[in-house]
Amino acid sequence: MFNKKTVKEIDVKGKRVLVRVDFNVPLKDGNVADDTRIQAALPTIKYLLENNAALILCSHLGRPKGVDLQYSLKPVSLYLGSLLENKVSFAEDCLGPKAKQAADELKPGEVLVLENTRFHDGEKKNDPEMAAQLASLADVFVNDAFGTAHRAHASNVGVTEFLPSVAGFLLEKEIEYLDKAIDDPKRPFVAILGGAKVSDKINVIKNLLEKADTVLIGGGMANTFFKAQGYPMGDSLVEEDALDTARELVKIGGAKLRLPVDVEVADAFDNEAAKKTLPVEPVEEGWRILDIGPETVENFSKVIKNAGTIVWNGPMGVFEMPNFAVGTFRIAEVIAESDAISIIGGGDSAAAIKQSGLAGKISHISTGGGASLEMLEGKVLPGLAALEDR
């Protein structure tokens, strides 16, 4: 159960509210290319505006090294203005006189977007001075950025030392879905893990082998499991230093851990490469595995169709190339057609679901890949822990 105070449990009328949002969105030619995260923040933003608060929104964007205007939040601010009927202004810094003046002039019902918090070194260091400056702009703090909840930064953890601090609706929804999936799932509970690296997900796999009924493994990480079982992998992506870990996970997992039984191989890392379907066996030099095969899709589908809860994190192959996207998109279709509670853990899996046009049939698509992975590991998220308990 969600045990943190939310925006509904505090009085915001006439107050300045600092909201940490996750506006880390892709930009193309200076415009917002995907507004999923902005849309996800709207329920909290609109609630606060309807309750006559003045909103100061802060976020990071990308990984700038100091001030770098290609990572400016100005285009995001303009885009937000097109979605809201309220006045949205932009401050060219998140600290200092420009931010202070813009915040002081803000009236209830208006919105101010601050410039990228990561233009300052103090953000990632959780610098108390930066946190105090941010907090000085407002009366109340709301964290609605699930995508950064696994980080202890100045704008999501540091500020909580100086202001009454509560959760927004998106943060609450994300935590509730993932908590329930891990601690009280409708069974059978099926976890599907893909992506390139086993090393990124060792603790996730270990935790899910305890909690889930079946763990299905696909994507590049499966290659490391095959190599650990003695199969040469040709030119396939393999994490040589994770082979012992893969052997250990197979031992712990037993019948719960399911690997592909056939794969799609190609003679180059190219959509137009020659390709063939093989059972799992030694891959010859010059060839590499780029997708799961049709028999694996069939096997995995049988498990998924029977599931009560599904958590999916990581694609089944190189889905960016249409010829090697079949496994990922077919798994996406089966999840969408199932009657299970389905949770997609951000990142590439979320992108694949959107590309397949099936997003509307998924129970919950997370806005935070890293944060959802850490929750699946069973870790406490600093951005959540810092908020006031109910």
Protein backbone atom coordinates (compact mmCIF):
# COMPACT_ATOMS: atom_id res chain seq x y z
CA MET A 1 0.00 0.00 0.00
CA PHE A 2 1.22 3.51 -0.84
CA ASN A 3 2.16 5.06 2.52
CA LYS A 4 3.33 8.55 1.49
CA LYS A 5 1.31 11.75 1.64
CA THR A 6 0.06 12.97 -1.74
CA VAL A 7 -0.96 16.38 -3.12
CA LYS A 8 -4.55 15.62 -2.10
CA GLU A 9 -3.57 15.58 1.57
CA ILE A 10 -2.16 19.11 1.79
CA ASP A 11 -3.59 22.59 1.31
CA VAL A 12 -2.09 24.21 -1.80
CA LYS A 13 -4.50 27.10 -2.26
CA GLY A 14 -2.63 30.33 -2.99
CA LYS A 15 0.72 28.61 -2.38
CA ARG A 16 3.78 28.36 -4.57
CA VAL A 17 4.36 24.68 -5.29
CA LEU A 18 7.70 23.37 -6.56
CA VAL A 19 7.02 20.24 -8.61
CA ARG A 20 9.82 17.89 -9.70
CA VAL A 21 8.54 16.53 -13.00
CA ASP A 22 10.26 14.20 -15.45
CA PHE A 23 10.44 16.28 -18.63
CA ASN A 24 13.46 14.33 -19.89
CA VAL A 25 11.86 13.93 -23.33
CA PRO A 26 13.40 13.42 -26.77
CA LEU A 27 13.77 16.60 -28.85
CA LYS A 28 14.06 16.70 -32.65
CA ASP A 29 14.93 19.91 -34.49
CA GLY A 30 14.20 21.84 -31.31
CA ASN A 31 10.72 20.36 -30.84
CA VAL A 32 9.30 17.71 -28.51
CA ALA A 33 9.43 14.38 -30.40
CA ASP A 34 7.59 12.23 -27.82
CA ASP A 35 5.35 13.78 -25.17
CA THR A 36 4.58 10.63 -23.13
CA ARG A 37 6.28 11.93 -19.99
CA ILE A 38 4.68 15.38 -20.31
CA GLN A 39 1.22 13.83 -20.68
CA ALA A 40 1.91 11.63 -17.65
CA ALA A 41 2.59 14.74 -15.52
CA LEU A 42 -0.63 16.55 -16.53
CA PRO A 43 -2.98 15.06 -13.89
CA THR A 44 -0.85 16.47 -11.05
CA ILE A 45 -0.27 19.80 -12.83
CA LYS A 46 -3.97 20.26 -13.59
CA TYR A 47 -5.04 19.28 -10.06
CA LEU A 48 -2.71 21.89 -8.54
CA LEU A 49 -3.89 24.58 -10.96
CA GLU A 50 -7.55 23.76 -10.28
CA ASN A 51 -6.76 24.19 -6.58
CA ASN A 52 -5.37 27.69 -7.17
CA ALA A 53 -1.68 26.98 -6.68
CA ALA A 54 1.19 28.76 -8.46
CA LEU A 55 3.35 26.06 -10.08
CA ILE A 56 7.14 26.03 -10.40
CA LEU A 57 8.21 23.01 -12.44
CA CYS A 58 11.78 21.70 -12.42
CA SER A 59 13.36 18.84 -14.36
CA HIS A 60 16.54 17.64 -15.98
CA LEU A 61 16.89 16.92 -19.70
CA GLY A 62 19.60 14.68 -21.14
CA ARG A 63 23.13 14.53 -19.77
CA PRO A 64 24.63 17.98 -20.28
CA LYS A 65 28.13 18.81 -19.07
CA GLY A 66 27.40 22.24 -17.63
CA VAL A 67 25.23 24.74 -19.52
CA ASP A 68 24.47 23.34 -22.99
CA LEU A 69 21.49 24.92 -24.74
CA GLN A 70 20.75 21.86 -26.88
CA TYR A 71 19.44 20.47 -23.57
CA SER A 72 17.39 23.55 -22.71
CA LEU A 73 13.88 22.96 -21.37
CA LYS A 74 12.56 25.99 -23.29
CA PRO A 75 10.99 23.88 -26.11
CA VAL A 76 9.33 21.73 -23.44
CA SER A 77 7.99 24.84 -21.73
CA LEU A 78 6.51 26.07 -25.04
CA TYR A 79 4.97 22.65 -25.68
CA LEU A 80 3.45 22.54 -22.19
CA GLY A 81 1.97 25.99 -22.85
CA SER A 82 0.19 24.58 -25.93
CA LEU A 83 -1.40 21.85 -23.76
CA LEU A 84 -2.55 24.10 -20.91
CA GLU A 85 -4.97 27.01 -20.95
CA ASN A 86 -2.94 28.60 -18.15
CA LYS A 87 -0.03 30.98 -18.59
CA VAL A 88 3.30 29.15 -18.81
CA SER A 89 6.52 31.17 -18.49
CA PHE A 90 10.15 30.09 -18.60
CA ALA A 91 13.12 31.01 -16.39
CA GLU A 92 16.55 30.85 -18.05
CA ASP A 93 18.05 29.33 -14.91
CA CYS A 94 16.77 27.15 -12.08
CA LEU A 95 18.82 29.07 -9.48
CA GLY A 96 19.87 32.65 -8.85
CA PRO A 97 18.18 36.01 -9.55
CA LYS A 98 16.41 34.97 -12.77
CA ALA A 99 14.66 32.04 -11.09
CA LYS A 100 13.92 34.07 -7.93
CA GLN A 101 12.38 36.99 -9.83
CA ALA A 102 10.25 34.72 -12.03
CA ALA A 103 9.02 32.79 -8.97
CA ASP A 104 8.25 35.99 -7.03
CA GLU A 105 6.15 37.33 -9.92
CA LEU A 106 4.17 34.10 -10.28
CA LYS A 107 0.44 34.25 -9.49
CA PRO A 108 -1.94 31.40 -8.55
CA GLY A 109 -3.06 29.57 -11.68
CA GLU A 110 0.20 30.33 -13.50
CA VAL A 111 3.05 27.97 -14.36
CA LEU A 112 6.80 28.59 -14.41
CA VAL A 113 9.22 26.10 -15.97
CA LEU A 114 12.79 26.37 -14.68
CA GLU A 115 15.82 25.69 -16.86
CA ASN A 116 17.52 22.26 -16.77
CA THR A 117 18.59 21.37 -13.21
CA ARG A 118 21.61 19.45 -14.56
CA PHE A 119 23.16 22.66 -15.90
CA HIS A 120 24.45 22.85 -12.30
CA ASP A 121 26.95 20.35 -10.83
CA GLY A 122 25.13 20.49 -7.51
CA GLU A 123 22.12 18.60 -8.90
CA LYS A 124 23.69 15.17 -9.18
CA LYS A 125 25.81 15.74 -6.04
CA ASN A 126 22.63 16.47 -4.05
CA ASP A 127 24.31 19.69 -2.96
CA PRO A 128 22.49 21.17 0.09
CA GLU A 129 23.10 24.74 -1.09
CA MET A 130 21.48 24.08 -4.47
CA ALA A 131 18.61 22.28 -2.76
CA ALA A 132 18.09 25.23 -0.38
CA GLN A 133 18.03 27.69 -3.31
CA LEU A 134 15.45 25.62 -5.18
CA ALA A 135 13.35 25.24 -2.03
CA SER A 136 13.46 29.01 -1.39
CA LEU A 137 11.30 29.52 -4.50
CA ALA A 138 8.27 27.73 -3.03
CA ASP A 139 6.11 26.86 0.02
CA VAL A 140 5.57 23.17 -0.75
CA PHE A 141 7.38 20.45 -2.72
CA VAL A 142 5.71 17.75 -4.84
CA ASN A 143 7.74 14.92 -6.37
CA ASP A 144 6.06 13.53 -9.47
CA ALA A 145 9.20 12.32 -11.28
CA PHE A 146 9.24 8.53 -11.03
CA GLY A 147 11.94 8.45 -13.73
CA THR A 148 14.49 9.94 -11.30
CA ALA A 149 13.16 8.46 -8.05
CA HIS A 150 16.09 6.01 -7.95
CA ARG A 151 18.53 8.94 -7.78
CA ALA A 152 19.30 11.11 -4.73
CA HIS A 153 19.64 14.52 -6.39
CA ALA A 154 19.19 18.09 -5.15
CA SER A 155 15.88 18.60 -6.97
CA ASN A 156 14.13 15.46 -5.70
CA VAL A 157 15.79 14.52 -2.39
CA GLY A 158 17.76 17.57 -1.21
CA VAL A 159 14.75 19.93 -1.37
CA THR A 160 12.76 17.70 1.00
CA GLU A 161 15.02 18.88 3.85
CA PHE A 162 13.61 22.40 3.47
CA LEU A 163 9.94 22.06 2.46
CA PRO A 164 6.83 20.00 3.31
CA SER A 165 7.18 17.24 0.68
CA VAL A 166 4.54 14.96 -0.85
CA ALA A 167 3.99 12.74 -3.88
CA GLY A 168 2.21 13.58 -7.11
CA PHE A 169 -0.33 11.30 -8.81
CA LEU A 170 2.11 9.80 -11.31
CA LEU A 171 4.61 8.79 -8.64
CA GLU A 172 1.79 7.26 -6.59
CA LYS A 173 0.42 5.32 -9.58
CA GLU A 174 3.84 3.99 -10.62
CA ILE A 175 4.70 2.78 -7.12
CA GLU A 176 1.29 1.20 -6.56
CA TYR A 177 1.40 -0.81 -9.80
CA LEU A 178 4.95 -2.05 -9.29
CA ASP A 179 4.54 -2.72 -5.56
CA LYS A 180 1.44 -4.81 -6.15
CA ALA A 181 3.08 -6.75 -8.97
CA ILE A 182 6.05 -7.63 -6.76
CA ASP A 183 4.41 -8.15 -3.37
CA ASP A 184 0.86 -9.25 -4.11
CA PRO A 185 0.58 -10.34 -7.75
CA LYS A 186 -2.41 -12.02 -9.33
CA ARG A 187 -0.94 -15.40 -10.24
CA PRO A 188 0.58 -16.90 -12.28
CA PHE A 189 3.11 -14.03 -12.19
CA VAL A 190 5.25 -14.00 -15.36
CA ALA A 191 8.33 -11.80 -15.76
CA ILE A 192 9.77 -11.22 -19.23
CA LEU A 193 13.30 -9.84 -19.38
CA GLY A 194 15.24 -8.85 -22.47
CA GLY A 195 17.71 -6.24 -23.62
CA ALA A 196 21.42 -6.51 -24.21
CA LYS A 197 23.06 -7.17 -20.87
CA VAL A 198 22.66 -9.72 -18.10
CA SER A 199 24.94 -7.62 -15.86
CA ASP A 200 22.37 -4.79 -15.76
CA LYS A 201 19.69 -7.14 -14.47
CA ILE A 202 21.43 -9.74 -12.24
CA ASN A 203 19.67 -8.62 -9.04
CA VAL A 204 16.38 -8.14 -10.90
CA ILE A 205 16.53 -11.73 -12.16
CA LYS A 206 17.44 -13.03 -8.68
CA ASN A 207 14.58 -11.14 -7.03
CA LEU A 208 12.07 -12.17 -9.71
CA LEU A 209 13.12 -15.83 -9.47
CA GLU A 210 11.93 -15.62 -5.86
CA LYS A 211 8.72 -13.72 -6.59
CA ALA A 212 7.55 -14.83 -10.04
CA ASP A 213 6.20 -18.18 -11.21
CA THR A 214 8.09 -18.01 -14.52
CA VAL A 215 10.92 -15.80 -15.81
CA LEU A 216 11.25 -15.67 -19.61
CA ILE A 217 14.62 -14.50 -20.95
CA GLY A 218 15.15 -13.09 -24.46
CA GLY A 219 17.16 -10.42 -26.23
CA GLY A 220 20.95 -10.13 -26.28
CA MET A 221 21.21 -11.25 -22.66
CA ALA A 222 20.08 -14.77 -23.67
CA ASN A 223 23.32 -15.15 -25.67
CA THR A 224 25.35 -14.99 -22.46
CA PHE A 225 23.24 -17.82 -21.00
CA PHE A 226 23.80 -19.91 -24.16
CA LYS A 227 27.57 -19.34 -24.03
CA ALA A 228 27.54 -20.25 -20.33
CA GLN A 229 26.01 -23.60 -21.34
CA GLY A 230 28.89 -24.24 -23.72
CA TYR A 231 27.54 -23.04 -27.08
CA PRO A 232 29.94 -20.95 -29.19
CA MET A 233 28.07 -17.76 -30.14
CA GLY A 234 29.89 -16.64 -33.32
CA ASP A 235 29.74 -12.83 -33.55
CA SER A 236 26.77 -12.54 -31.16
CA LEU A 237 26.87 -10.04 -28.29
CA VAL A 238 28.09 -11.95 -25.22
CA GLU A 239 29.16 -10.66 -21.80
CA GLU A 240 32.20 -12.82 -21.16
CA ASP A 241 32.57 -11.60 -17.57
CA ALA A 242 28.98 -12.57 -16.74
CA LEU A 243 29.22 -16.25 -17.75
CA ASP A 244 29.63 -17.54 -14.17
CA THR A 245 26.67 -15.39 -13.09
CA ALA A 246 24.55 -16.82 -15.92
CA ARG A 247 25.42 -20.38 -14.82
CA GLU A 248 24.50 -19.50 -11.24
CA LEU A 249 21.14 -18.00 -12.33
CA VAL A 250 20.29 -21.10 -14.38
CA LYS A 251 21.04 -23.24 -11.30
CA ILE A 252 18.95 -21.04 -8.97
CA GLY A 253 16.11 -20.70 -11.49
CA GLY A 254 15.68 -24.34 -12.43
CA ALA A 255 12.40 -24.88 -14.31
CA LYS A 256 11.27 -21.31 -13.51
CA LEU A 257 13.89 -19.78 -15.82
CA ARG A 258 13.00 -20.24 -19.50
CA LEU A 259 15.41 -19.49 -22.35
CA PRO A 260 14.75 -19.37 -26.11
CA VAL A 261 14.76 -22.70 -27.98
CA ASP A 262 15.35 -21.13 -31.41
CA VAL A 263 16.80 -17.86 -32.70
CA GLU A 264 17.10 -15.63 -35.77
CA VAL A 265 20.70 -15.21 -36.89
CA ALA A 266 22.17 -12.77 -39.42
CA ASP A 267 25.52 -12.49 -41.20
CA ALA A 268 25.79 -8.77 -40.36
CA PHE A 269 24.36 -6.25 -37.89
CA ASP A 270 22.10 -4.85 -40.61
CA ASN A 271 18.39 -4.98 -41.39
CA GLU A 272 19.19 -6.19 -44.94
CA ALA A 273 21.59 -8.93 -43.79
CA ALA A 274 21.08 -12.55 -44.82
CA LYS A 275 19.12 -14.28 -42.03
CA LYS A 276 18.07 -17.76 -40.99
CA THR A 277 16.20 -19.45 -38.14
CA LEU A 278 18.19 -21.94 -36.09
CA PRO A 279 17.53 -24.09 -33.02
CA VAL A 280 19.77 -23.06 -30.13
CA GLU A 281 23.11 -24.58 -31.14
CA PRO A 282 26.64 -23.33 -31.85
CA VAL A 283 26.53 -20.15 -33.97
CA GLU A 284 29.17 -20.12 -36.72
CA GLU A 285 31.74 -17.34 -37.03
CA GLY A 286 30.48 -14.31 -38.98
CA TRP A 287 26.88 -14.85 -37.80
CA ARG A 288 25.10 -13.30 -34.80
CA ILE A 289 21.78 -13.78 -32.97
CA LEU A 290 19.46 -10.78 -33.44
CA ASP A 291 16.01 -12.07 -32.40
CA ILE A 292 14.14 -14.97 -30.83
CA GLY A 293 12.73 -17.54 -33.23
CA PRO A 294 9.10 -18.59 -33.99
CA GLU A 295 9.12 -21.68 -31.74
CA THR A 296 10.32 -19.54 -28.81
CA VAL A 297 7.56 -17.01 -29.53
CA GLU A 298 5.07 -19.90 -29.44
CA ASN A 299 6.47 -21.30 -26.16
CA PHE A 300 6.61 -17.90 -24.46
CA SER A 301 3.09 -17.05 -25.73
CA LYS A 302 1.60 -20.13 -24.03
CA VAL A 303 3.05 -18.98 -20.69
CA ILE A 304 1.93 -15.36 -21.21
CA LYS A 305 -1.64 -16.28 -22.19
CA ASN A 306 -2.05 -18.11 -18.88
CA ALA A 307 -0.62 -15.27 -16.73
CA GLY A 308 -2.44 -13.23 -14.08
CA THR A 309 0.31 -10.59 -13.82
CA ILE A 310 2.98 -9.76 -16.42
CA VAL A 311 6.02 -7.53 -15.95
CA TRP A 312 8.06 -6.91 -19.11
CA ASN A 313 11.41 -5.11 -19.25
CA GLY A 314 13.64 -5.26 -22.32
CA PRO A 315 13.06 -6.21 -25.99
CA MET A 316 13.41 -9.74 -27.38
CA GLY A 317 15.74 -8.70 -30.21
CA VAL A 318 17.08 -5.75 -32.19
CA PHE A 319 13.57 -4.36 -32.66
CA GLU A 320 14.89 -1.12 -34.20
CA MET A 321 15.48 -3.20 -37.37
CA PRO A 322 12.13 -4.35 -38.85
CA ASN A 323 13.52 -7.75 -39.93
CA PHE A 324 14.55 -8.50 -36.33
CA ALA A 325 11.56 -6.95 -34.57
CA VAL A 326 9.19 -9.89 -35.07
CA GLY A 327 9.87 -11.53 -31.70
CA THR A 328 9.47 -8.30 -29.72
CA PHE A 329 6.27 -7.23 -31.49
CA ARG A 330 4.71 -10.68 -31.33
CA ILE A 331 5.35 -10.85 -27.57
CA ALA A 332 3.86 -7.32 -27.28
CA GLU A 333 0.71 -8.53 -29.10
CA VAL A 334 0.31 -11.57 -26.86
CA ILE A 335 0.69 -9.43 -23.72
CA ALA A 336 -1.89 -6.94 -25.07
CA GLU A 337 -4.34 -9.74 -25.89
CA SER A 338 -3.98 -11.41 -22.48
CA ASP A 339 -6.35 -10.84 -19.56
CA ALA A 340 -3.40 -10.25 -17.22
CA ILE A 341 -2.46 -7.09 -15.34
CA SER A 342 0.39 -5.97 -17.60
CA ILE A 343 3.22 -3.63 -16.60
CA ILE A 344 5.84 -2.48 -19.09
CA GLY A 345 9.02 -1.26 -17.42
CA GLY A 346 9.94 1.83 -19.40
CA GLY A 347 12.80 2.26 -21.88
CA ASP A 348 12.94 0.13 -25.03
CA SER A 349 9.99 -2.09 -24.03
CA ALA A 350 7.78 1.00 -23.71
CA ALA A 351 9.03 2.25 -27.11
CA ALA A 352 8.26 -1.16 -28.65
CA ILE A 353 4.72 -1.19 -27.22
CA LYS A 354 4.08 2.30 -28.61
CA GLN A 355 5.50 1.38 -32.03
CA SER A 356 3.26 -1.67 -32.13
CA GLY A 357 0.20 0.54 -31.53
CA LEU A 358 -0.84 -1.56 -28.51
CA ALA A 359 -0.16 0.91 -25.68
CA GLY A 360 -3.91 1.32 -25.02
CA LYS A 361 -4.23 -2.39 -24.16
CA ILE A 362 -1.52 -2.37 -21.47
CA SER A 363 -2.49 -1.84 -17.81
CA HIS A 364 0.50 0.38 -17.03
CA ILE A 365 3.49 1.64 -19.02
CA SER A 366 6.15 2.97 -16.68
CA THR A 367 7.81 6.33 -17.38
CA GLY A 368 11.04 5.24 -15.67
CA GLY A 369 13.18 2.36 -16.91
CA GLY A 370 15.95 2.64 -14.29
CA ALA A 371 13.55 3.32 -11.42
CA SER A 372 11.27 0.42 -12.34
CA LEU A 373 14.29 -1.92 -12.58
CA GLU A 374 15.43 -0.90 -9.09
CA MET A 375 11.93 -1.55 -7.75
CA LEU A 376 11.96 -4.98 -9.41
CA GLU A 377 15.28 -5.58 -7.60
CA GLY A 378 13.50 -4.82 -4.33
CA LYS A 379 15.46 -1.60 -3.67
CA VAL A 380 14.15 1.45 -1.81
CA LEU A 381 13.94 4.52 -4.08
CA PRO A 382 15.57 7.60 -2.44
CA GLY A 383 13.16 10.02 -4.16
CA LEU A 384 10.24 8.21 -2.59
CA ALA A 385 11.78 7.57 0.82
CA ALA A 386 12.43 11.30 1.28
CA LEU A 387 8.71 12.20 1.17
CA GLU A 388 6.46 12.56 4.22
CA ASP A 389 4.71 9.42 5.46
CA ARG A 390 0.95 9.37 5.84
